[in-house]
Amino acid sequence: MPTQLRHTEGGIARALFRVAVSGRKEQEASFFTVIVWRDQAEHAAESLSKGSRVVVVGRLQQQSWSAEDGSARSTVQVVADELGPSLRWATATTRATRNSSG
């Protein structure tokens, strides 16, 4: 899923994207939805594309609901505090934005 950027009714940016996590090539990957808010959401939408290697720091959040058939469903998402490109196999160039503070 490419990065999806939407805004709440109050104008707050929210981005969603999926990441695959695996430790080794022979391990099956786990997939997580990452949620990013505010300026960082806009930065993610501008900077990330399918296949981007990304480092995500955040907290796990579980959501539960009842499906239409009455069965219980749940998912685990990552609410990102920090995002960055993985520098293991690539280089990156950054630029400050208007809201940057040091």
C-alpha atoms as a PDB file:
ATOM      1  CA  MET A   1       0.000   0.000   0.000  1.00  0.00           C
ATOM      2  CA  PRO A   2       1.437   3.373  -0.895  1.00  0.00           C
ATOM      3  CA  THR A   3       1.377   6.086   1.733  1.00  0.00           C
ATOM      4  CA  GLN A   4      -2.185   7.356   2.105  1.00  0.00           C
ATOM      5  CA  LEU A   5      -2.488  10.937   3.361  1.00  0.00           C
ATOM      6  CA  ARG A   6      -5.791  12.213   4.694  1.00  0.00           C
ATOM      7  CA  HIS A   7      -6.860  15.044   6.964  1.00  0.00           C
ATOM      8  CA  THR A   8      -9.272  14.958   9.894  1.00  0.00           C
ATOM      9  CA  GLU A   9     -12.230  17.342   9.974  1.00  0.00           C
ATOM     10  CA  GLY A  10     -10.032  19.587  12.108  1.00  0.00           C
ATOM     11  CA  GLY A  11      -7.345  19.669   9.407  1.00  0.00           C
ATOM     12  CA  ILE A  12      -4.816  17.372  11.138  1.00  0.00           C
ATOM     13  CA  ALA A  13      -2.784  15.259   8.698  1.00  0.00           C
ATOM     14  CA  ARG A  14      -2.795  11.471   9.127  1.00  0.00           C
ATOM     15  CA  ALA A  15      -0.826   9.053   6.950  1.00  0.00           C
ATOM     16  CA  LEU A  16      -1.098   5.265   6.747  1.00  0.00           C
ATOM     17  CA  PHE A  17       1.311   2.849   5.119  1.00  0.00           C
ATOM     18  CA  ARG A  18       2.242  -0.817   5.450  1.00  0.00           C
ATOM     19  CA  VAL A  19       5.644  -2.193   6.354  1.00  0.00           C
ATOM     20  CA  ALA A  20       6.961  -5.718   6.066  1.00  0.00           C
ATOM     21  CA  VAL A  21       9.152  -6.908   8.915  1.00  0.00           C
ATOM     22  CA  SER A  22      11.371  -9.985   8.728  1.00  0.00           C
ATOM     23  CA  GLY A  23      14.561 -10.953  10.454  1.00  0.00           C
ATOM     24  CA  ARG A  24      16.009 -13.298   7.860  1.00  0.00           C
ATOM     25  CA  LYS A  25      15.327 -14.242   4.255  1.00  0.00           C
ATOM     26  CA  GLU A  26      13.924 -17.635   5.212  1.00  0.00           C
ATOM     27  CA  GLN A  27      11.494 -16.098   7.710  1.00  0.00           C
ATOM     28  CA  GLU A  28       7.997 -15.220   6.644  1.00  0.00           C
ATOM     29  CA  ALA A  29       7.403 -11.476   6.811  1.00  0.00           C
ATOM     30  CA  SER A  30       4.934  -9.880   9.204  1.00  0.00           C
ATOM     31  CA  PHE A  31       3.011  -6.889   7.912  1.00  0.00           C
ATOM     32  CA  PHE A  32       2.020  -3.893  10.011  1.00  0.00           C
ATOM     33  CA  THR A  33       0.062  -0.757   9.282  1.00  0.00           C
ATOM     34  CA  VAL A  34       1.920   2.353  10.439  1.00  0.00           C
ATOM     35  CA  ILE A  35      -0.030   5.465  11.442  1.00  0.00           C
ATOM     36  CA  VAL A  36       1.709   8.839  11.378  1.00  0.00           C
ATOM     37  CA  TRP A  37       0.232  12.178  12.455  1.00  0.00           C
ATOM     38  CA  ARG A  38       0.633  15.895  11.698  1.00  0.00           C
ATOM     39  CA  ASP A  39       3.703  17.304   9.888  1.00  0.00           C
ATOM     40  CA  GLN A  40       5.432  13.943   9.975  1.00  0.00           C
ATOM     41  CA  ALA A  41       2.456  12.454   8.099  1.00  0.00           C
ATOM     42  CA  GLU A  42       2.902  14.988   5.324  1.00  0.00           C
ATOM     43  CA  HIS A  43       6.657  14.345   5.261  1.00  0.00           C
ATOM     44  CA  ALA A  44       6.052  10.579   5.001  1.00  0.00           C
ATOM     45  CA  ALA A  45       3.602  11.013   2.123  1.00  0.00           C
ATOM     46  CA  GLU A  46       6.117  13.183   0.277  1.00  0.00           C
ATOM     47  CA  SER A  47       9.186  11.057   1.046  1.00  0.00           C
ATOM     48  CA  LEU A  48       8.127   7.393   1.050  1.00  0.00           C
ATOM     49  CA  SER A  49       7.146   5.208  -1.859  1.00  0.00           C
ATOM     50  CA  LYS A  50       6.436   1.504  -2.250  1.00  0.00           C
ATOM     51  CA  GLY A  51       9.599  -0.447  -1.505  1.00  0.00           C
ATOM     52  CA  SER A  52      11.208   2.280   0.609  1.00  0.00           C
ATOM     53  CA  ARG A  53      13.263   0.891   3.441  1.00  0.00           C
ATOM     54  CA  VAL A  54      12.158   2.739   6.541  1.00  0.00           C
ATOM     55  CA  VAL A  55      12.972   2.775  10.249  1.00  0.00           C
ATOM     56  CA  VAL A  56       9.899   3.224  12.445  1.00  0.00           C
ATOM     57  CA  VAL A  57       9.999   4.044  16.154  1.00  0.00           C
ATOM     58  CA  GLY A  58       6.663   4.009  17.936  1.00  0.00           C
ATOM     59  CA  ARG A  59       4.214   2.063  20.004  1.00  0.00           C
ATOM     60  CA  LEU A  60       1.979  -0.878  19.206  1.00  0.00           C
ATOM     61  CA  GLN A  61      -1.760  -0.289  19.347  1.00  0.00           C
ATOM     62  CA  GLN A  62      -4.319  -3.087  19.119  1.00  0.00           C
ATOM     63  CA  GLN A  63      -7.762  -2.459  17.646  1.00  0.00           C
ATOM     64  CA  SER A  64     -10.643  -4.887  18.053  1.00  0.00           C
ATOM     65  CA  TRP A  65     -14.045  -4.918  16.379  1.00  0.00           C
ATOM     66  CA  SER A  66     -16.925  -7.195  15.427  1.00  0.00           C
ATOM     67  CA  ALA A  67     -17.175  -8.154  11.781  1.00  0.00           C
ATOM     68  CA  GLU A  68     -20.479  -8.123   9.917  1.00  0.00           C
ATOM     69  CA  ASP A  69     -20.788 -11.871  10.485  1.00  0.00           C
ATOM     70  CA  GLY A  70     -20.416 -11.318  14.257  1.00  0.00           C
ATOM     71  CA  SER A  71     -16.904 -12.730  14.517  1.00  0.00           C
ATOM     72  CA  ALA A  72     -14.327 -10.939  16.627  1.00  0.00           C
ATOM     73  CA  ARG A  73     -11.508  -9.311  14.679  1.00  0.00           C
ATOM     74  CA  SER A  74      -8.386  -7.472  15.745  1.00  0.00           C
ATOM     75  CA  THR A  75      -5.271  -5.923  14.290  1.00  0.00           C
ATOM     76  CA  VAL A  76      -2.047  -4.498  15.638  1.00  0.00           C
ATOM     77  CA  GLN A  77      -0.885  -1.145  14.272  1.00  0.00           C
ATOM     78  CA  VAL A  78       2.217   0.929  14.915  1.00  0.00           C
ATOM     79  CA  VAL A  79       1.639   4.546  15.916  1.00  0.00           C
ATOM     80  CA  ALA A  80       4.877   6.176  14.794  1.00  0.00           C
ATOM     81  CA  ASP A  81       6.738   8.676  16.949  1.00  0.00           C
ATOM     82  CA  GLU A  82       9.704   8.875  14.545  1.00  0.00           C
ATOM     83  CA  LEU A  83      10.366   7.809  10.959  1.00  0.00           C
ATOM     84  CA  GLY A  84      13.511   7.753   8.924  1.00  0.00           C
ATOM     85  CA  PRO A  85      15.061   6.134   5.896  1.00  0.00           C
ATOM     86  CA  SER A  86      17.110   3.013   6.484  1.00  0.00           C
ATOM     87  CA  LEU A  87      20.727   3.763   5.673  1.00  0.00           C
ATOM     88  CA  ARG A  88      21.755   0.109   5.563  1.00  0.00           C
ATOM     89  CA  TRP A  89      21.533  -0.090   1.759  1.00  0.00           C
ATOM     90  CA  ALA A  90      21.070   3.521   0.706  1.00  0.00           C
ATOM     91  CA  THR A  91      22.003   7.120   1.371  1.00  0.00           C
ATOM     92  CA  ALA A  92      19.600   9.943   2.151  1.00  0.00           C
ATOM     93  CA  THR A  93      19.541  13.695   1.895  1.00  0.00           C
ATOM     94  CA  THR A  94      17.392  15.726   4.258  1.00  0.00           C
ATOM     95  CA  ARG A  95      16.142  19.269   4.212  1.00  0.00           C
ATOM     96  CA  ALA A  96      14.575  21.317   6.978  1.00  0.00           C
ATOM     97  CA  THR A  97      10.939  22.275   6.735  1.00  0.00           C
ATOM     98  CA  ARG A  98       9.256  25.448   7.847  1.00  0.00           C
ATOM     99  CA  ASN A  99       8.162  23.836  11.131  1.00  0.00           C
ATOM    100  CA  SER A 100      11.575  22.462  12.123  1.00  0.00           C
ATOM    101  CA  SER A 101      12.916  23.317  15.534  1.00  0.00           C
ATOM    102  CA  GLY A 102      16.194  22.412  16.982  1.00  0.00           C
END
